[in-house]
PDB file of all heavy atoms in Angstrom:
ATOM      1  N   PHE A   1      -8.019   2.033  13.412  1.00  0.00           N
ATOM      2  CA  PHE A   1      -8.536   3.020  12.472  1.00  0.00           C
ATOM      3  C   PHE A   1      -7.382   3.490  11.599  1.00  0.00           C
ATOM      4  O   PHE A   1      -6.447   4.134  12.093  1.00  0.00           O
ATOM      5  CB  PHE A   1      -9.159   4.198  13.223  1.00  0.00           C
ATOM      6  CG  PHE A   1     -10.251   3.807  14.187  1.00  0.00           C
ATOM      7  CD1 PHE A   1      -9.936   3.499  15.502  1.00  0.00           C
ATOM      8  CD2 PHE A   1     -11.564   3.724  13.768  1.00  0.00           C
ATOM      9  CE1 PHE A   1     -10.930   3.132  16.396  1.00  0.00           C
ATOM     10  CE2 PHE A   1     -12.564   3.352  14.652  1.00  0.00           C
ATOM     11  CZ  PHE A   1     -12.251   3.052  15.962  1.00  0.00           C
ATOM     12  N   ILE A   2      -7.432   3.136  10.318  1.00  0.00           N
ATOM     13  CA  ILE A   2      -6.450   3.633   9.357  1.00  0.00           C
ATOM     14  C   ILE A   2      -7.000   4.950   8.832  1.00  0.00           C
ATOM     15  O   ILE A   2      -8.009   4.983   8.130  1.00  0.00           O
ATOM     16  CB  ILE A   2      -6.216   2.623   8.226  1.00  0.00           C
ATOM     17  CG1 ILE A   2      -5.673   1.306   8.801  1.00  0.00           C
ATOM     18  CG2 ILE A   2      -5.239   3.190   7.194  1.00  0.00           C
ATOM     19  CD1 ILE A   2      -5.543   0.193   7.779  1.00  0.00           C
ATOM     20  N   GLU A   3      -6.344   6.040   9.216  1.00  0.00           N
ATOM     21  CA  GLU A   3      -6.865   7.377   8.951  1.00  0.00           C
ATOM     22  C   GLU A   3      -6.138   8.015   7.761  1.00  0.00           C
ATOM     23  O   GLU A   3      -4.925   7.873   7.605  1.00  0.00           O
ATOM     24  CB  GLU A   3      -6.680   8.265  10.178  1.00  0.00           C
ATOM     25  CG  GLU A   3      -7.312   7.730  11.446  1.00  0.00           C
ATOM     26  CD  GLU A   3      -6.901   8.541  12.659  1.00  0.00           C
ATOM     27  OE1 GLU A   3      -5.723   8.990  12.698  1.00  0.00           O
ATOM     28  OE2 GLU A   3      -7.726   8.718  13.562  1.00  0.00           O
ATOM     29  N   LEU A   4      -6.885   8.760   6.964  1.00  0.00           N
ATOM     30  CA  LEU A   4      -6.330   9.558   5.880  1.00  0.00           C
ATOM     31  C   LEU A   4      -6.491  11.032   6.228  1.00  0.00           C
ATOM     32  O   LEU A   4      -7.592  11.470   6.594  1.00  0.00           O
ATOM     33  CB  LEU A   4      -7.040   9.271   4.554  1.00  0.00           C
ATOM     34  CG  LEU A   4      -7.094   7.822   4.071  1.00  0.00           C
ATOM     35  CD1 LEU A   4      -7.754   7.757   2.697  1.00  0.00           C
ATOM     36  CD2 LEU A   4      -5.708   7.196   4.024  1.00  0.00           C
ATOM     37  N   TYR A   5      -5.392  11.787   6.133  1.00  0.00           N
ATOM     38  CA  TYR A   5      -5.423  13.208   6.423  1.00  0.00           C
ATOM     39  C   TYR A   5      -4.940  13.998   5.212  1.00  0.00           C
ATOM     40  O   TYR A   5      -3.929  13.658   4.595  1.00  0.00           O
ATOM     41  CB  TYR A   5      -4.532  13.545   7.616  1.00  0.00           C
ATOM     42  CG  TYR A   5      -5.121  13.169   8.951  1.00  0.00           C
ATOM     43  CD1 TYR A   5      -4.919  11.894   9.478  1.00  0.00           C
ATOM     44  CD2 TYR A   5      -5.883  14.077   9.682  1.00  0.00           C
ATOM     45  CE1 TYR A   5      -5.451  11.540  10.711  1.00  0.00           C
ATOM     46  CE2 TYR A   5      -6.423  13.725  10.911  1.00  0.00           C
ATOM     47  CZ  TYR A   5      -6.208  12.464  11.417  1.00  0.00           C
ATOM     48  OH  TYR A   5      -6.743  12.114  12.627  1.00  0.00           O
ATOM     49  N   LEU A   6      -5.670  15.060   4.909  1.00  0.00           N
ATOM     50  CA  LEU A   6      -5.260  16.001   3.874  1.00  0.00           C
ATOM     51  C   LEU A   6      -5.236  17.389   4.505  1.00  0.00           C
ATOM     52  O   LEU A   6      -6.265  17.878   4.979  1.00  0.00           O
ATOM     53  CB  LEU A   6      -6.236  15.981   2.696  1.00  0.00           C
ATOM     54  CG  LEU A   6      -5.932  16.940   1.547  1.00  0.00           C
ATOM     55  CD1 LEU A   6      -4.593  16.604   0.894  1.00  0.00           C
ATOM     56  CD2 LEU A   6      -7.046  16.933   0.514  1.00  0.00           C
ATOM     57  N   ASP A   7      -4.050  17.992   4.537  1.00  0.00           N
ATOM     58  CA  ASP A   7      -3.887  19.307   5.173  1.00  0.00           C
ATOM     59  C   ASP A   7      -4.428  19.294   6.600  1.00  0.00           C
ATOM     60  O   ASP A   7      -5.183  20.187   7.023  1.00  0.00           O
ATOM     61  CB  ASP A   7      -4.589  20.392   4.350  1.00  0.00           C
ATOM     62  CG  ASP A   7      -3.991  20.533   2.953  1.00  0.00           C
ATOM     63  OD1 ASP A   7      -2.775  20.294   2.812  1.00  0.00           O
ATOM     64  OD2 ASP A   7      -4.740  20.863   2.023  1.00  0.00           O
ATOM     65  N   LYS A   8      -4.090  18.226   7.334  1.00  0.00           N
ATOM     66  CA  LYS A   8      -4.450  18.052   8.746  1.00  0.00           C
ATOM     67  C   LYS A   8      -5.944  17.825   8.972  1.00  0.00           C
ATOM     68  O   LYS A   8      -6.397  17.817  10.126  1.00  0.00           O
ATOM     69  CB  LYS A   8      -3.966  19.249   9.576  1.00  0.00           C
ATOM     70  CG  LYS A   8      -2.457  19.433   9.551  1.00  0.00           C
ATOM     71  CD  LYS A   8      -2.032  20.575  10.451  1.00  0.00           C
ATOM     72  CE  LYS A   8      -0.503  20.737  10.426  1.00  0.00           C
ATOM     73  NZ  LYS A   8      -0.050  21.837  11.315  1.00  0.00           N
ATOM     74  N   GLN A   9      -6.697  17.633   7.907  1.00  0.00           N
ATOM     75  CA  GLN A   9      -8.121  17.342   8.038  1.00  0.00           C
ATOM     76  C   GLN A   9      -8.365  15.858   7.773  1.00  0.00           C
ATOM     77  O   GLN A   9      -7.871  15.304   6.782  1.00  0.00           O
ATOM     78  CB  GLN A   9      -8.941  18.172   7.042  1.00  0.00           C
ATOM     79  CG  GLN A   9     -10.435  17.848   7.064  1.00  0.00           C
ATOM     80  CD  GLN A   9     -11.204  18.549   5.966  1.00  0.00           C
ATOM     81  OE1 GLN A   9     -10.673  19.436   5.288  1.00  0.00           O
ATOM     82  NE2 GLN A   9     -12.450  18.155   5.756  1.00  0.00           N
ATOM     83  N   LEU A  10      -9.129  15.204   8.643  1.00  0.00           N
ATOM     84  CA  LEU A  10      -9.469  13.793   8.448  1.00  0.00           C
ATOM     85  C   LEU A  10     -10.419  13.661   7.268  1.00  0.00           C
ATOM     86  O   LEU A  10     -11.497  14.266   7.254  1.00  0.00           O
ATOM     87  CB  LEU A  10     -10.128  13.235   9.714  1.00  0.00           C
ATOM     88  CG  LEU A  10     -10.515  11.751   9.664  1.00  0.00           C
ATOM     89  CD1 LEU A  10      -9.260  10.870   9.696  1.00  0.00           C
ATOM     90  CD2 LEU A  10     -11.433  11.394  10.833  1.00  0.00           C
ATOM     91  N   VAL A  11     -10.038  12.849   6.274  1.00  0.00           N
ATOM     92  CA  VAL A  11     -10.868  12.703   5.077  1.00  0.00           C
ATOM     93  C   VAL A  11     -11.261  11.249   4.807  1.00  0.00           C
ATOM     94  O   VAL A  11     -12.054  10.978   3.905  1.00  0.00           O
ATOM     95  CB  VAL A  11     -10.170  13.289   3.835  1.00  0.00           C
ATOM     96  CG1 VAL A  11      -9.948  14.786   4.000  1.00  0.00           C
ATOM     97  CG2 VAL A  11      -8.850  12.575   3.547  1.00  0.00           C
ATOM     98  N   GLY A  12     -10.713  10.307   5.562  1.00  0.00           N
ATOM     99  CA  GLY A  12     -11.068   8.907   5.348  1.00  0.00           C
ATOM    100  C   GLY A  12     -10.677   8.057   6.538  1.00  0.00           C
ATOM    101  O   GLY A  12      -9.679   8.352   7.210  1.00  0.00           O
ATOM    102  N   VAL A  13     -11.480   7.009   6.797  1.00  0.00           N
ATOM    103  CA  VAL A  13     -11.187   6.072   7.877  1.00  0.00           C
ATOM    104  C   VAL A  13     -11.508   4.665   7.403  1.00  0.00           C
ATOM    105  O   VAL A  13     -12.606   4.409   6.881  1.00  0.00           O
ATOM    106  CB  VAL A  13     -12.021   6.373   9.147  1.00  0.00           C
ATOM    107  CG1 VAL A  13     -11.777   5.303  10.210  1.00  0.00           C
ATOM    108  CG2 VAL A  13     -11.688   7.749   9.702  1.00  0.00           C
ATOM    109  N   ALA A  14     -10.563   3.756   7.555  1.00  0.00           N
ATOM    110  CA  ALA A  14     -10.787   2.335   7.300  1.00  0.00           C
ATOM    111  C   ALA A  14     -10.727   1.618   8.637  1.00  0.00           C
ATOM    112  O   ALA A  14      -9.644   1.479   9.222  1.00  0.00           O
ATOM    113  CB  ALA A  14      -9.746   1.774   6.336  1.00  0.00           C
ATOM    114  N   VAL A  15     -11.875   1.191   9.154  1.00  0.00           N
ATOM    115  CA  VAL A  15     -11.920   0.447  10.409  1.00  0.00           C
ATOM    116  C   VAL A  15     -11.459  -0.976  10.107  1.00  0.00           C
ATOM    117  O   VAL A  15     -12.043  -1.654   9.244  1.00  0.00           O
ATOM    118  CB  VAL A  15     -13.334   0.450  11.011  1.00  0.00           C
ATOM    119  CG1 VAL A  15     -13.329  -0.235  12.372  1.00  0.00           C
ATOM    120  CG2 VAL A  15     -13.854   1.882  11.132  1.00  0.00           C
ATOM    121  N   THR A  16     -10.417  -1.424  10.777  1.00  0.00           N
ATOM    122  CA  THR A  16      -9.725  -2.658  10.409  1.00  0.00           C
ATOM    123  C   THR A  16      -9.418  -3.487  11.644  1.00  0.00           C
ATOM    124  O   THR A  16      -8.923  -2.962  12.643  1.00  0.00           O
ATOM    125  CB  THR A  16      -8.400  -2.330   9.684  1.00  0.00           C
ATOM    126  OG1 THR A  16      -8.650  -1.411   8.614  1.00  0.00           O
ATOM    127  CG2 THR A  16      -7.756  -3.582   9.131  1.00  0.00           C
ATOM    128  N   ASP A  17      -9.711  -4.786  11.571  1.00  0.00           N
ATOM    129  CA  ASP A  17      -9.316  -5.712  12.630  1.00  0.00           C
ATOM    130  C   ASP A  17      -7.957  -6.312  12.275  1.00  0.00           C
ATOM    131  O   ASP A  17      -7.766  -6.799  11.150  1.00  0.00           O
ATOM    132  CB  ASP A  17     -10.336  -6.835  12.788  1.00  0.00           C
ATOM    133  CG  ASP A  17     -11.638  -6.348  13.428  1.00  0.00           C
ATOM    134  OD1 ASP A  17     -11.617  -5.277  14.071  1.00  0.00           O
ATOM    135  OD2 ASP A  17     -12.663  -7.031  13.277  1.00  0.00           O
ATOM    136  N   ILE A  18      -7.024  -6.279  13.226  1.00  0.00           N
ATOM    137  CA  ILE A  18      -5.695  -6.847  13.028  1.00  0.00           C
ATOM    138  C   ILE A  18      -5.640  -8.181  13.757  1.00  0.00           C
ATOM    139  O   ILE A  18      -5.787  -8.236  14.981  1.00  0.00           O
ATOM    140  CB  ILE A  18      -4.601  -5.888  13.529  1.00  0.00           C
ATOM    141  CG1 ILE A  18      -4.688  -4.548  12.783  1.00  0.00           C
ATOM    142  CG2 ILE A  18      -3.222  -6.509  13.351  1.00  0.00           C
ATOM    143  CD1 ILE A  18      -3.679  -3.512  13.250  1.00  0.00           C
ATOM    144  N   LEU A  19      -5.420  -9.244  13.014  1.00  0.00           N
ATOM    145  CA  LEU A  19      -5.423 -10.610  13.533  1.00  0.00           C
ATOM    146  C   LEU A  19      -4.029 -11.213  13.389  1.00  0.00           C
ATOM    147  O   LEU A  19      -3.151 -10.628  12.745  1.00  0.00           O
ATOM    148  CB  LEU A  19      -6.479 -11.424  12.796  1.00  0.00           C
ATOM    149  CG  LEU A  19      -7.894 -10.865  12.989  1.00  0.00           C
ATOM    150  CD1 LEU A  19      -8.798 -11.259  11.838  1.00  0.00           C
ATOM    151  CD2 LEU A  19      -8.468 -11.321  14.306  1.00  0.00           C
ATOM    152  N   PRO A  20      -3.789 -12.386  13.983  1.00  0.00           N
ATOM    153  CA  PRO A  20      -2.432 -12.946  13.950  1.00  0.00           C
ATOM    154  C   PRO A  20      -1.841 -13.058  12.548  1.00  0.00           C
ATOM    155  O   PRO A  20      -0.656 -12.747  12.348  1.00  0.00           O
ATOM    156  CB  PRO A  20      -2.612 -14.322  14.609  1.00  0.00           C
ATOM    157  CG  PRO A  20      -3.738 -14.131  15.563  1.00  0.00           C
ATOM    158  CD  PRO A  20      -4.679 -13.182  14.862  1.00  0.00           C
ATOM    159  N   ASP A  21      -2.629 -13.502  11.570  1.00  0.00           N
ATOM    160  CA  ASP A  21      -2.088 -13.739  10.227  1.00  0.00           C
ATOM    161  C   ASP A  21      -2.810 -12.958   9.135  1.00  0.00           C
ATOM    162  O   ASP A  21      -2.560 -13.189   7.952  1.00  0.00           O
ATOM    163  CB  ASP A  21      -2.147 -15.233   9.891  1.00  0.00           C
ATOM    164  CG  ASP A  21      -1.222 -16.054  10.786  1.00  0.00           C
ATOM    165  OD1 ASP A  21      -0.071 -15.633  10.978  1.00  0.00           O
ATOM    166  OD2 ASP A  21      -1.661 -17.094  11.306  1.00  0.00           O
ATOM    167  N   SER A  22      -3.713 -12.061   9.516  1.00  0.00           N
ATOM    168  CA  SER A  22      -4.494 -11.382   8.491  1.00  0.00           C
ATOM    169  C   SER A  22      -5.050 -10.065   9.009  1.00  0.00           C
ATOM    170  O   SER A  22      -5.002  -9.772  10.206  1.00  0.00           O
ATOM    171  CB  SER A  22      -5.648 -12.283   8.026  1.00  0.00           C
ATOM    172  OG  SER A  22      -6.523 -12.567   9.114  1.00  0.00           O
ATOM    173  N   LEU A  23      -5.584  -9.282   8.077  1.00  0.00           N
ATOM    174  CA  LEU A  23      -6.379  -8.103   8.387  1.00  0.00           C
ATOM    175  C   LEU A  23      -7.795  -8.354   7.896  1.00  0.00           C
ATOM    176  O   LEU A  23      -8.003  -9.036   6.892  1.00  0.00           O
ATOM    177  CB  LEU A  23      -5.824  -6.852   7.694  1.00  0.00           C
ATOM    178  CG  LEU A  23      -4.381  -6.426   7.983  1.00  0.00           C
ATOM    179  CD1 LEU A  23      -4.076  -5.126   7.248  1.00  0.00           C
ATOM    180  CD2 LEU A  23      -4.142  -6.267   9.459  1.00  0.00           C
ATOM    181  N   SER A  24      -8.750  -7.769   8.590  1.00  0.00           N
ATOM    182  CA  SER A  24     -10.140  -7.843   8.146  1.00  0.00           C
ATOM    183  C   SER A  24     -10.684  -6.427   8.028  1.00  0.00           C
ATOM    184  O   SER A  24     -10.678  -5.664   9.002  1.00  0.00           O
ATOM    185  CB  SER A  24     -10.994  -8.653   9.127  1.00  0.00           C
ATOM    186  OG  SER A  24     -12.354  -8.664   8.722  1.00  0.00           O
ATOM    187  N   ALA A  25     -11.114  -6.061   6.820  1.00  0.00           N
ATOM    188  CA  ALA A  25     -11.680  -4.735   6.578  1.00  0.00           C
ATOM    189  C   ALA A  25     -13.116  -4.721   7.095  1.00  0.00           C
ATOM    190  O   ALA A  25     -13.994  -5.357   6.512  1.00  0.00           O
ATOM    191  CB  ALA A  25     -11.638  -4.417   5.088  1.00  0.00           C
ATOM    192  N   VAL A  26     -13.354  -4.004   8.190  1.00  0.00           N
ATOM    193  CA  VAL A  26     -14.684  -3.974   8.806  1.00  0.00           C
ATOM    194  C   VAL A  26     -15.590  -2.991   8.081  1.00  0.00           C
ATOM    195  O   VAL A  26     -16.698  -3.330   7.656  1.00  0.00           O
ATOM    196  CB  VAL A  26     -14.579  -3.616  10.296  1.00  0.00           C
ATOM    197  CG1 VAL A  26     -15.960  -3.583  10.949  1.00  0.00           C
ATOM    198  CG2 VAL A  26     -13.676  -4.611  11.019  1.00  0.00           C
ATOM    199  N   TYR A  27     -15.128  -1.753   7.915  1.00  0.00           N
ATOM    200  CA  TYR A  27     -15.932  -0.753   7.200  1.00  0.00           C
ATOM    201  C   TYR A  27     -15.040   0.448   6.905  1.00  0.00           C
ATOM    202  O   TYR A  27     -14.134   0.779   7.690  1.00  0.00           O
ATOM    203  CB  TYR A  27     -17.128  -0.300   8.045  1.00  0.00           C
ATOM    204  CG  TYR A  27     -18.179   0.439   7.235  1.00  0.00           C
ATOM    205  CD1 TYR A  27     -18.986  -0.238   6.325  1.00  0.00           C
ATOM    206  CD2 TYR A  27     -18.338   1.812   7.369  1.00  0.00           C
ATOM    207  CE1 TYR A  27     -19.928   0.443   5.579  1.00  0.00           C
ATOM    208  CE2 TYR A  27     -19.287   2.499   6.625  1.00  0.00           C
ATOM    209  CZ  TYR A  27     -20.077   1.805   5.726  1.00  0.00           C
ATOM    210  OH  TYR A  27     -21.020   2.463   4.970  1.00  0.00           O
ATOM    211  N   SER A  28     -15.290   1.104   5.781  1.00  0.00           N
ATOM    212  CA  SER A  28     -14.557   2.306   5.404  1.00  0.00           C
ATOM    213  C   SER A  28     -15.529   3.419   5.056  1.00  0.00           C
ATOM    214  O   SER A  28     -16.607   3.166   4.511  1.00  0.00           O
ATOM    215  CB  SER A  28     -13.647   2.031   4.191  1.00  0.00           C
ATOM    216  OG  SER A  28     -12.654   1.079   4.502  1.00  0.00           O
ATOM    217  N   TYR A  29     -15.137   4.635   5.355  1.00  0.00           N
ATOM    218  CA  TYR A  29     -15.947   5.797   4.988  1.00  0.00           C
ATOM    219  C   TYR A  29     -15.012   6.972   4.756  1.00  0.00           C
ATOM    220  O   TYR A  29     -13.867   6.987   5.229  1.00  0.00           O
ATOM    221  CB  TYR A  29     -16.982   6.110   6.073  1.00  0.00           C
ATOM    222  CG  TYR A  29     -16.440   6.202   7.483  1.00  0.00           C
ATOM    223  CD1 TYR A  29     -16.049   7.422   8.027  1.00  0.00           C
ATOM    224  CD2 TYR A  29     -16.308   5.066   8.281  1.00  0.00           C
ATOM    225  CE1 TYR A  29     -15.544   7.510   9.315  1.00  0.00           C
ATOM    226  CE2 TYR A  29     -15.806   5.145   9.579  1.00  0.00           C
ATOM    227  CZ  TYR A  29     -15.429   6.369  10.079  1.00  0.00           C
ATOM    228  OH  TYR A  29     -14.922   6.446  11.354  1.00  0.00           O
ATOM    229  N   PHE A  30     -15.474   7.946   3.987  1.00  0.00           N
ATOM    230  CA  PHE A  30     -14.592   9.027   3.575  1.00  0.00           C
ATOM    231  C   PHE A  30     -15.402  10.285   3.298  1.00  0.00           C
ATOM    232  O   PHE A  30     -16.641  10.260   3.281  1.00  0.00           O
ATOM    233  CB  PHE A  30     -13.782   8.623   2.340  1.00  0.00           C
ATOM    234  CG  PHE A  30     -14.617   8.111   1.197  1.00  0.00           C
ATOM    235  CD1 PHE A  30     -15.163   8.979   0.260  1.00  0.00           C
ATOM    236  CD2 PHE A  30     -14.864   6.754   1.054  1.00  0.00           C
ATOM    237  CE1 PHE A  30     -15.934   8.503  -0.792  1.00  0.00           C
ATOM    238  CE2 PHE A  30     -15.627   6.270   0.003  1.00  0.00           C
ATOM    239  CZ  PHE A  30     -16.165   7.156  -0.917  1.00  0.00           C
ATOM    240  N   GLU A  31     -14.676  11.378   3.080  1.00  0.00           N
ATOM    241  CA  GLU A  31     -15.312  12.660   2.808  1.00  0.00           C
ATOM    242  C   GLU A  31     -16.081  12.569   1.484  1.00  0.00           C
ATOM    243  O   GLU A  31     -15.474  12.383   0.426  1.00  0.00           O
ATOM    244  CB  GLU A  31     -14.256  13.758   2.733  1.00  0.00           C
ATOM    245  CG  GLU A  31     -14.819  15.156   2.658  1.00  0.00           C
ATOM    246  CD  GLU A  31     -15.647  15.495   3.889  1.00  0.00           C
ATOM    247  OE1 GLU A  31     -15.098  15.512   4.999  1.00  0.00           O
ATOM    248  OE2 GLU A  31     -16.868  15.738   3.712  1.00  0.00           O
TER     249      GLU A  31
END
């Protein structure tokens, strides 16, 4: 989970699979 915080509040999450040679963006959502 790649998290975005603004003033200690969670405002975005990018759910990401980490693979040997790549990343795969599974889903993202935000405030």
